[in-house]
Amino acid sequence: MALGEFDLIARYFKRPVRRAVLGIGDDCALLAPAPGLQLAISCDMLVQGRHFFADVDPRALGHKALAVNLSDLAASGATPRAFTLALALPQVEEAWLQGFAQGMFALADAHGCELIGGDTTQGPLNICITVFGDVPAGQALLRSGAQAGDDIYVSGSLGDARLALESLLGRITLPAQALAAARERLERPTPRVALGMALRGIASSALDVSDGLLGDLSHILQASQVGAEVHLEATTQLIAASALWKSATAGFDQNLLQQCTLAGGDDYELCFTAAASLRTAVQAAAIAAQTPVHRIGRITAEPGLRVLDAQGQPVTPHWRSFDHFKT
């Protein structure tokens, strides 16, 4: 017998409430933030053919659907608390639902974030998650706090996801082992939640890198009304430094590697700024969060974003970050 909408929810998505006052089952869920905290809320949508391939492992898709939202909380320095799921399905495939739910809940449980409601309907595969977190009042990381003289940092590595995409689209050829590692980064990104929380009171501004470093950094510059100098040599070191990657990409055009690093997208790392006097504190936060960070440039009073080569000369990029309506 085919599952109906409410049977589907009950079988794959309903779980006991742990932190919410009221979860799945009523018209609204109820959350009660503790005194002195502010709610941080973000919403992201994933659409088949736009954000993921049709043959993606449903466990990986469940993971990524929540991960991209947790990454937004990380960029605000917020602690994850709960989320809602709106899911459009072409048809009910129980094996697919089982895998999707397992991937999503594994990540949710790792971050103490519970599903408290949502919606299901029939239609083209579309996943929309709204996530809720909390942050001490006045301590949220924003895009608008960068100051001239601040250092610019990026967590983890950049470019891996774009390399996977280029290979999956047949534009380049990666060795099987390298493609598997890159596709893992594309389909199972790691939200830097611990780092975001550790940077409260240290970072002057922050956001997550979802559409490409240069484009996303520009949002900080616009919100803070400042400029930036980014050192090309420092950013190219972010494309994964393992011997495997060096051998896998040895014959590639350097322009492609720079494009993947600076404008690739789907990295879900944090880009943030902090006063130069706080370099020790930044490194301590990175160690506490078990997440490497790299200093790649500085904020300037002069408006505009400038990419500089090893000799300090401006480089003109020939590519841009992702935009849904311009790409």
Protein backbone atom coordinates (compact mmCIF):
# COMPACT_ATOMS: atom_id res chain seq x y z
CA MET A 1 0.00 0.00 0.00
CA ALA A 2 1.41 3.40 -1.00
CA LEU A 3 2.38 5.78 1.76
CA GLY A 4 0.27 8.92 2.18
CA GLU A 5 1.68 12.31 3.14
CA PHE A 6 1.17 11.96 6.88
CA ASP A 7 2.29 8.32 6.95
CA LEU A 8 5.47 9.40 5.15
CA ILE A 9 6.14 12.09 7.75
CA ALA A 10 5.44 9.77 10.66
CA ARG A 11 7.66 6.99 9.31
CA TYR A 12 10.71 8.96 8.19
CA PHE A 13 10.71 12.37 9.85
CA LYS A 14 8.81 12.39 13.16
CA ARG A 15 11.04 12.06 16.23
CA PRO A 16 10.61 12.74 19.95
CA VAL A 17 10.95 16.42 20.90
CA ARG A 18 14.15 17.16 22.81
CA ARG A 19 14.57 20.95 23.01
CA ALA A 20 11.53 22.51 21.39
CA VAL A 21 8.43 23.18 23.47
CA LEU A 22 6.31 21.60 20.72
CA GLY A 23 7.42 19.80 17.58
CA ILE A 24 5.81 17.98 14.67
CA GLY A 25 2.04 17.43 14.82
CA ASP A 26 0.41 20.83 15.36
CA ASP A 27 -0.05 23.77 13.02
CA CYS A 28 3.00 25.51 14.51
CA ALA A 29 6.06 24.33 16.39
CA LEU A 30 7.05 26.25 19.52
CA LEU A 31 10.54 27.39 20.49
CA ALA A 32 11.47 29.16 23.72
CA PRO A 33 14.85 30.94 23.52
CA ALA A 34 16.66 31.28 26.83
CA PRO A 35 16.88 34.77 28.37
CA GLY A 36 19.68 36.89 26.92
CA LEU A 37 19.75 35.02 23.60
CA GLN A 38 18.64 36.07 20.13
CA LEU A 39 17.21 33.71 17.49
CA ALA A 40 19.28 33.29 14.32
CA ILE A 41 17.18 32.05 11.38
CA SER A 42 18.18 31.07 7.86
CA CYS A 43 16.49 29.36 4.90
CA ASP A 44 18.02 27.59 1.87
CA MET A 45 16.51 25.71 -1.05
CA LEU A 46 18.09 22.89 -3.10
CA VAL A 47 16.63 22.14 -6.54
CA GLN A 48 17.45 19.07 -8.61
CA GLY A 49 19.40 19.98 -11.73
CA ARG A 50 20.44 23.30 -10.22
CA HIS A 51 22.07 22.35 -6.91
CA PHE A 52 22.60 18.60 -7.25
CA PHE A 53 22.75 15.82 -9.84
CA ALA A 54 19.84 13.39 -10.20
CA ASP A 55 22.06 10.41 -9.29
CA VAL A 56 23.35 11.86 -6.00
CA ASP A 57 23.36 9.46 -3.04
CA PRO A 58 20.24 10.35 -1.01
CA ARG A 59 22.28 10.16 2.21
CA ALA A 60 24.66 12.77 0.83
CA LEU A 61 21.73 14.91 -0.29
CA GLY A 62 20.13 14.74 3.16
CA HIS A 63 23.45 15.79 4.68
CA LYS A 64 23.99 18.70 2.27
CA ALA A 65 20.43 20.00 2.55
CA LEU A 66 20.96 20.62 6.26
CA ALA A 67 24.68 21.43 6.03
CA VAL A 68 24.20 24.51 3.85
CA ASN A 69 21.80 25.92 6.45
CA LEU A 70 24.05 25.09 9.38
CA SER A 71 26.82 26.91 7.51
CA ASP A 72 24.72 30.09 7.66
CA LEU A 73 24.37 29.68 11.42
CA ALA A 74 28.14 29.16 11.63
CA ALA A 75 28.69 32.43 9.78
CA SER A 76 26.59 34.18 12.44
CA GLY A 77 28.35 32.49 15.35
CA ALA A 78 25.05 30.84 16.34
CA THR A 79 24.40 27.53 18.09
CA PRO A 80 22.04 25.26 16.07
CA ARG A 81 18.75 24.40 17.82
CA ALA A 82 16.04 23.27 15.35
CA PHE A 83 14.95 23.19 11.72
CA THR A 84 11.94 22.71 9.47
CA LEU A 85 11.84 20.76 6.19
CA ALA A 86 9.69 21.44 3.14
CA LEU A 87 10.06 18.57 0.67
CA ALA A 88 8.59 18.19 -2.83
CA LEU A 89 8.83 14.63 -4.20
CA PRO A 90 8.04 13.36 -7.72
CA GLN A 91 6.91 10.08 -6.11
CA VAL A 92 7.30 8.17 -2.87
CA GLU A 93 10.39 5.94 -3.00
CA GLU A 94 10.89 4.48 0.45
CA ALA A 95 14.53 3.45 -0.07
CA TRP A 96 15.34 7.01 -1.19
CA LEU A 97 13.47 8.52 1.78
CA GLN A 98 15.25 6.20 4.19
CA GLY A 99 18.67 7.24 2.89
CA PHE A 100 17.79 10.94 2.77
CA ALA A 101 16.47 10.91 6.34
CA GLN A 102 19.52 9.00 7.61
CA GLY A 103 21.96 11.48 6.06
CA MET A 104 20.03 14.48 7.32
CA PHE A 105 19.50 13.20 10.86
CA ALA A 106 23.11 12.04 11.25
CA LEU A 107 24.25 15.63 10.75
CA ALA A 108 21.36 17.02 12.80
CA ASP A 109 22.24 14.78 15.74
CA ALA A 110 25.92 15.73 15.51
CA HIS A 111 24.93 19.37 16.04
CA GLY A 112 22.05 18.86 18.49
CA CYS A 113 19.58 20.29 15.97
CA GLU A 114 16.07 18.77 15.82
CA LEU A 115 13.41 18.67 13.12
CA ILE A 116 10.29 20.41 14.43
CA GLY A 117 7.99 20.68 11.40
CA GLY A 118 7.62 21.38 7.69
CA ASP A 119 5.61 20.31 4.66
CA THR A 120 5.54 17.64 1.97
CA THR A 121 3.99 17.77 -1.47
CA GLN A 122 4.23 16.11 -4.88
CA GLY A 123 6.29 17.86 -7.53
CA PRO A 124 9.82 18.16 -8.97
CA LEU A 125 12.41 17.23 -6.33
CA ASN A 126 12.93 20.34 -4.22
CA ILE A 127 14.25 20.62 -0.65
CA CYS A 128 13.81 23.73 1.47
CA ILE A 129 15.11 23.88 5.05
CA THR A 130 14.73 26.69 7.56
CA VAL A 131 17.13 26.46 10.47
CA PHE A 132 16.97 28.13 13.89
CA GLY A 133 19.86 28.85 16.20
CA ASP A 134 20.62 31.17 19.08
CA VAL A 135 23.43 33.55 19.92
CA PRO A 136 24.08 35.76 22.96
CA ALA A 137 22.49 39.17 22.44
CA GLY A 138 24.88 41.53 20.69
CA GLN A 139 27.44 38.81 19.84
CA ALA A 140 26.20 37.64 16.42
CA LEU A 141 28.81 37.80 13.67
CA LEU A 142 27.64 40.16 10.91
CA ARG A 143 28.84 41.22 7.48
CA SER A 144 28.97 44.87 8.45
CA GLY A 145 31.79 45.08 11.02
CA ALA A 146 35.00 44.94 8.97
CA GLN A 147 37.45 47.78 9.61
CA ALA A 148 40.42 49.08 7.64
CA GLY A 149 43.54 47.20 8.75
CA ASP A 150 41.68 43.99 9.63
CA ASP A 151 43.09 40.69 8.42
CA ILE A 152 41.00 38.54 6.06
CA TYR A 153 40.80 34.81 6.78
CA VAL A 154 39.29 31.72 5.18
CA SER A 155 38.74 28.40 6.93
CA GLY A 156 39.63 24.98 5.55
CA SER A 157 40.25 24.72 1.81
CA LEU A 158 38.62 26.15 -1.30
CA GLY A 159 38.15 24.90 -4.84
CA ASP A 160 37.57 21.18 -4.26
CA ALA A 161 33.83 21.30 -4.94
CA ARG A 162 34.29 23.25 -8.18
CA LEU A 163 36.95 20.79 -9.36
CA ALA A 164 34.45 17.97 -8.77
CA LEU A 165 31.79 19.85 -10.73
CA GLU A 166 34.16 20.52 -13.65
CA SER A 167 35.00 16.81 -13.78
CA LEU A 168 31.39 15.62 -13.46
CA LEU A 169 30.41 17.95 -16.31
CA GLY A 170 33.18 16.45 -18.47
CA ARG A 171 35.23 19.64 -18.75
CA ILE A 172 38.31 18.15 -17.08
CA THR A 173 39.43 14.65 -16.12
CA LEU A 174 40.40 13.84 -12.54
CA PRO A 175 41.86 10.50 -11.42
CA ALA A 176 39.18 8.36 -9.78
CA GLN A 177 40.58 8.76 -6.26
CA ALA A 178 40.85 12.54 -6.63
CA LEU A 179 37.33 12.79 -8.07
CA ALA A 180 35.94 10.78 -5.16
CA ALA A 181 37.63 13.11 -2.65
CA ALA A 182 36.45 16.22 -4.51
CA ARG A 183 32.90 14.91 -4.89
CA GLU A 184 32.79 14.27 -1.15
CA ARG A 185 33.49 17.96 -0.62
CA LEU A 186 30.83 18.92 -3.18
CA GLU A 187 28.10 16.66 -1.82
CA ARG A 188 28.97 16.48 1.90
CA PRO A 189 30.25 19.93 2.93
CA THR A 190 31.32 20.48 6.53
CA PRO A 191 29.51 23.37 8.24
CA ARG A 192 32.05 25.24 10.40
CA VAL A 193 29.70 25.63 13.37
CA ALA A 194 32.33 25.22 16.09
CA LEU A 195 34.60 27.81 14.47
CA GLY A 196 31.77 30.32 14.13
CA MET A 197 30.95 30.06 17.83
CA ALA A 198 34.66 30.27 18.76
CA LEU A 199 35.01 33.50 16.77
CA ARG A 200 32.36 35.39 18.76
CA GLY A 201 34.03 38.47 20.20
CA ILE A 202 37.04 38.00 17.87
CA ALA A 203 35.86 38.28 14.28
CA SER A 204 34.73 41.73 13.16
CA SER A 205 32.68 40.31 10.28
CA ALA A 206 31.92 36.94 8.73
CA LEU A 207 29.96 35.02 6.11
CA ASP A 208 30.03 31.57 4.57
CA VAL A 209 31.54 30.99 1.13
CA SER A 210 28.75 29.49 -0.96
CA ASP A 211 28.99 31.27 -4.33
CA GLY A 212 32.75 31.86 -4.58
CA LEU A 213 35.27 33.67 -2.39
CA LEU A 214 35.60 36.93 -4.31
CA GLY A 215 31.88 37.40 -4.80
CA ASP A 216 31.03 36.54 -1.22
CA LEU A 217 33.83 38.71 0.21
CA SER A 218 32.37 41.58 -1.79
CA HIS A 219 29.24 41.33 0.36
CA ILE A 220 31.34 42.07 3.46
CA LEU A 221 33.00 45.00 1.72
CA GLN A 222 29.67 46.46 0.66
CA ALA A 223 28.04 46.00 4.07
CA SER A 224 31.09 47.41 5.89
CA GLN A 225 31.80 50.15 3.33
CA VAL A 226 35.46 49.21 3.01
CA GLY A 227 37.80 47.68 0.41
CA ALA A 228 40.18 44.73 0.41
CA GLU A 229 43.47 43.40 -0.90
CA VAL A 230 43.56 39.63 -1.47
CA HIS A 231 46.91 37.92 -2.06
CA LEU A 232 46.68 35.46 -4.95
CA GLU A 233 49.58 33.35 -3.68
CA ALA A 234 47.87 32.86 -0.32
CA THR A 235 44.54 31.87 -1.88
CA THR A 236 46.03 29.30 -4.25
CA GLN A 237 47.34 27.45 -1.21
CA LEU A 238 43.72 26.86 -0.21
CA ILE A 239 42.97 24.37 -2.98
CA ALA A 240 43.90 21.33 -0.86
CA ALA A 241 47.60 20.86 -0.20
CA SER A 242 47.83 17.06 -0.18
CA ALA A 243 50.23 15.20 -2.47
CA LEU A 244 47.18 13.59 -4.09
CA TRP A 245 45.79 16.97 -5.17
CA LYS A 246 49.15 18.22 -6.35
CA SER A 247 49.58 15.20 -8.61
CA ALA A 248 45.95 15.18 -9.73
CA THR A 249 45.99 18.81 -10.87
CA ALA A 250 49.62 19.11 -11.96
CA GLY A 251 48.81 19.42 -15.66
CA PHE A 252 45.90 21.82 -15.29
CA ASP A 253 45.91 25.41 -16.42
CA GLN A 254 46.67 27.67 -13.44
CA ASN A 255 43.83 29.95 -14.44
CA LEU A 256 41.39 27.07 -13.90
CA LEU A 257 42.80 26.35 -10.45
CA GLN A 258 42.59 30.02 -9.51
CA GLN A 259 39.03 30.16 -10.78
CA CYS A 260 38.09 27.13 -8.67
CA THR A 261 39.68 28.71 -5.60
CA LEU A 262 38.51 32.29 -5.95
CA ALA A 263 35.15 31.88 -7.69
CA GLY A 264 34.27 28.20 -7.46
CA GLY A 265 31.37 28.10 -5.01
CA ASP A 266 29.87 25.29 -2.90
CA ASP A 267 32.80 25.44 -0.45
CA TYR A 268 30.78 26.34 2.68
CA GLU A 269 33.89 27.57 4.45
CA LEU A 270 33.90 30.72 6.56
CA CYS A 271 35.42 33.97 5.33
CA PHE A 272 35.93 36.41 8.19
CA THR A 273 37.87 39.46 9.26
CA ALA A 274 39.61 40.28 12.53
CA ALA A 275 41.91 42.99 13.85
CA ALA A 276 45.60 42.30 13.25
CA SER A 277 46.13 42.56 17.03
CA LEU A 278 43.92 39.46 17.46
CA ARG A 279 45.96 37.02 15.35
CA THR A 280 46.81 34.92 18.40
CA ALA A 281 43.16 34.82 19.43
CA VAL A 282 42.13 33.76 15.90
CA GLN A 283 44.59 30.89 15.94
CA ALA A 284 43.41 29.84 19.40
CA ALA A 285 39.81 29.80 18.14
CA ALA A 286 40.85 27.72 15.14
CA ILE A 287 42.64 25.22 17.37
CA ALA A 288 39.68 25.01 19.74
CA ALA A 289 37.35 24.38 16.79
CA GLN A 290 39.80 21.92 15.19
CA THR A 291 39.51 23.87 11.95
CA PRO A 292 42.50 25.38 10.09
CA VAL A 293 42.27 29.03 9.05
CA HIS A 294 44.41 30.93 6.55
CA ARG A 295 45.15 34.64 6.36
CA ILE A 296 44.70 35.75 2.74
CA GLY A 297 44.68 39.55 2.76
CA ARG A 298 43.62 42.71 4.55
CA ILE A 299 40.78 45.21 4.66
CA THR A 300 41.52 48.68 3.28
CA ALA A 301 39.86 52.06 3.62
CA GLU A 302 40.03 52.47 -0.15
CA PRO A 303 36.88 50.95 -1.71
CA GLY A 304 37.08 48.04 -4.13
CA LEU A 305 38.45 44.50 -4.16
CA ARG A 306 41.98 44.09 -5.48
CA VAL A 307 43.72 40.76 -6.14
CA LEU A 308 47.52 41.08 -5.90
CA ASP A 309 50.23 38.77 -7.23
CA ALA A 310 53.41 37.76 -5.38
CA GLN A 311 55.03 41.09 -6.37
CA GLY A 312 52.08 43.08 -5.05
CA GLN A 313 50.84 43.94 -8.54
CA PRO A 314 47.10 43.93 -9.33
CA VAL A 315 45.72 40.92 -11.19
CA THR A 316 42.50 41.19 -13.18
CA PRO A 317 40.35 38.05 -12.70
CA HIS A 318 38.66 36.74 -15.87
CA TRP A 319 35.85 34.98 -13.99
CA ARG A 320 33.12 35.80 -11.54
CA SER A 321 31.36 34.10 -8.66
CA PHE A 322 28.12 32.19 -9.12
CA ASP A 323 24.84 34.03 -9.57
CA HIS A 324 21.61 32.11 -10.21
CA PHE A 325 20.34 34.72 -12.65
CA LYS A 326 23.60 35.71 -14.37
CA THR A 327 25.35 32.34 -14.80
